[in-house]
Amino acid sequence: QHAVFWMKNTLLPLDMVFADATGRVTHVHSNAVPQDETPIDGGTDVTLVLEIRGGLAARLGIAPGAELRHPAIAQTAAIWPCAAE
């Protein structure tokens, strides 16, 4: 789906990491401004959004094309499946 967020009532700057159904990062919005009501467009085909402390995505090298791993991602479609327990 098309994902759009804002920062109303959020007190800290955040990085928003947008990913598709396979866990591939499609867009990163860095250092969203606290309490700003300007829409932040993550694009289309967004299934997951990871919100982390502002600046952390760059420090960790998270950018479009990166692969996320999480059990909430359908493991049959995941580009980086979680290990079986």
Protein backbone atom coordinates (compact mmCIF):
# COMPACT_ATOMS: atom_id res chain seq x y z
CA GLN A 1 0.00 0.00 0.00
CA HIS A 2 0.97 3.65 -0.15
CA ALA A 3 2.39 4.74 3.23
CA VAL A 4 2.42 8.33 4.46
CA PHE A 5 3.33 9.34 8.02
CA TRP A 6 3.74 12.51 10.05
CA MET A 7 5.48 13.38 13.30
CA LYS A 8 2.63 15.00 15.24
CA ASN A 9 2.97 14.17 18.96
CA THR A 10 6.42 12.60 18.40
CA LEU A 11 9.05 14.26 20.56
CA LEU A 12 12.28 12.79 19.11
CA PRO A 13 13.68 12.85 15.57
CA LEU A 14 13.16 9.50 13.86
CA ASP A 15 14.42 7.66 10.83
CA MET A 16 11.61 5.88 9.01
CA VAL A 17 12.68 2.77 7.14
CA PHE A 18 10.08 1.67 4.58
CA ALA A 19 10.17 -1.89 3.22
CA ASP A 20 8.17 -4.12 0.89
CA ALA A 21 6.60 -7.52 1.65
CA THR A 22 9.91 -9.33 1.13
CA GLY A 23 11.76 -7.15 3.66
CA ARG A 24 13.71 -5.14 1.08
CA VAL A 25 14.12 -1.49 2.09
CA THR A 26 12.53 0.75 -0.53
CA HIS A 27 13.00 4.18 1.08
CA VAL A 28 14.60 5.77 4.15
CA HIS A 29 13.47 9.12 5.49
CA SER A 30 16.16 10.39 7.85
CA ASN A 31 15.73 12.62 10.88
CA ALA A 32 12.03 13.38 10.63
CA VAL A 33 11.35 16.61 12.51
CA PRO A 34 9.59 16.20 15.87
CA GLN A 35 5.98 17.42 16.00
CA ASP A 36 5.97 18.32 12.29
CA GLU A 37 2.70 17.66 10.49
CA THR A 38 4.24 17.63 7.02
CA PRO A 39 3.41 14.31 5.32
CA ILE A 40 6.36 11.92 4.92
CA ASP A 41 5.77 9.84 1.82
CA GLY A 42 7.27 6.35 2.00
CA GLY A 43 6.13 5.43 -1.47
CA THR A 44 4.03 2.59 -2.82
CA ASP A 45 4.19 -1.14 -2.14
CA VAL A 46 5.10 -0.51 1.50
CA THR A 47 4.32 -3.36 3.87
CA LEU A 48 6.61 -2.54 6.80
CA VAL A 49 7.84 0.63 8.45
CA LEU A 50 10.61 0.56 11.02
CA GLU A 51 10.94 3.72 13.12
CA ILE A 52 14.32 4.17 14.79
CA ARG A 53 16.24 6.98 16.46
CA GLY A 54 17.14 9.74 14.01
CA GLY A 55 20.52 9.17 12.36
CA LEU A 56 20.72 5.47 13.24
CA ALA A 57 19.90 4.26 9.71
CA ALA A 58 22.95 6.04 8.29
CA ARG A 59 25.18 4.83 11.11
CA LEU A 60 24.07 1.23 10.48
CA GLY A 61 24.24 1.53 6.68
CA ILE A 62 20.50 1.02 6.21
CA ALA A 63 19.58 2.37 2.76
CA PRO A 64 17.32 1.40 -0.13
CA GLY A 65 18.15 -2.14 -1.18
CA ALA A 66 19.07 -3.28 2.35
CA GLU A 67 17.36 -6.44 3.60
CA LEU A 68 15.36 -6.64 6.82
CA ARG A 69 14.84 -9.86 8.72
CA HIS A 70 11.83 -10.27 11.02
CA PRO A 71 9.35 -13.05 11.81
CA ALA A 72 6.45 -10.73 10.84
CA ILE A 73 7.61 -10.99 7.21
CA ALA A 74 6.04 -13.97 5.44
CA GLN A 75 8.97 -16.37 5.50
CA THR A 76 8.04 -17.93 2.16
CA ALA A 77 8.50 -14.50 0.51
CA ALA A 78 11.31 -13.12 2.68
CA ILE A 79 14.57 -12.29 0.91
CA TRP A 80 16.34 -12.96 4.24
CA PRO A 81 14.26 -15.57 6.10
CA CYS A 82 14.54 -16.01 9.85
CA ALA A 83 16.36 -19.12 10.96
CA ALA A 84 14.15 -22.06 11.94
CA GLU A 85 14.00 -22.61 15.67
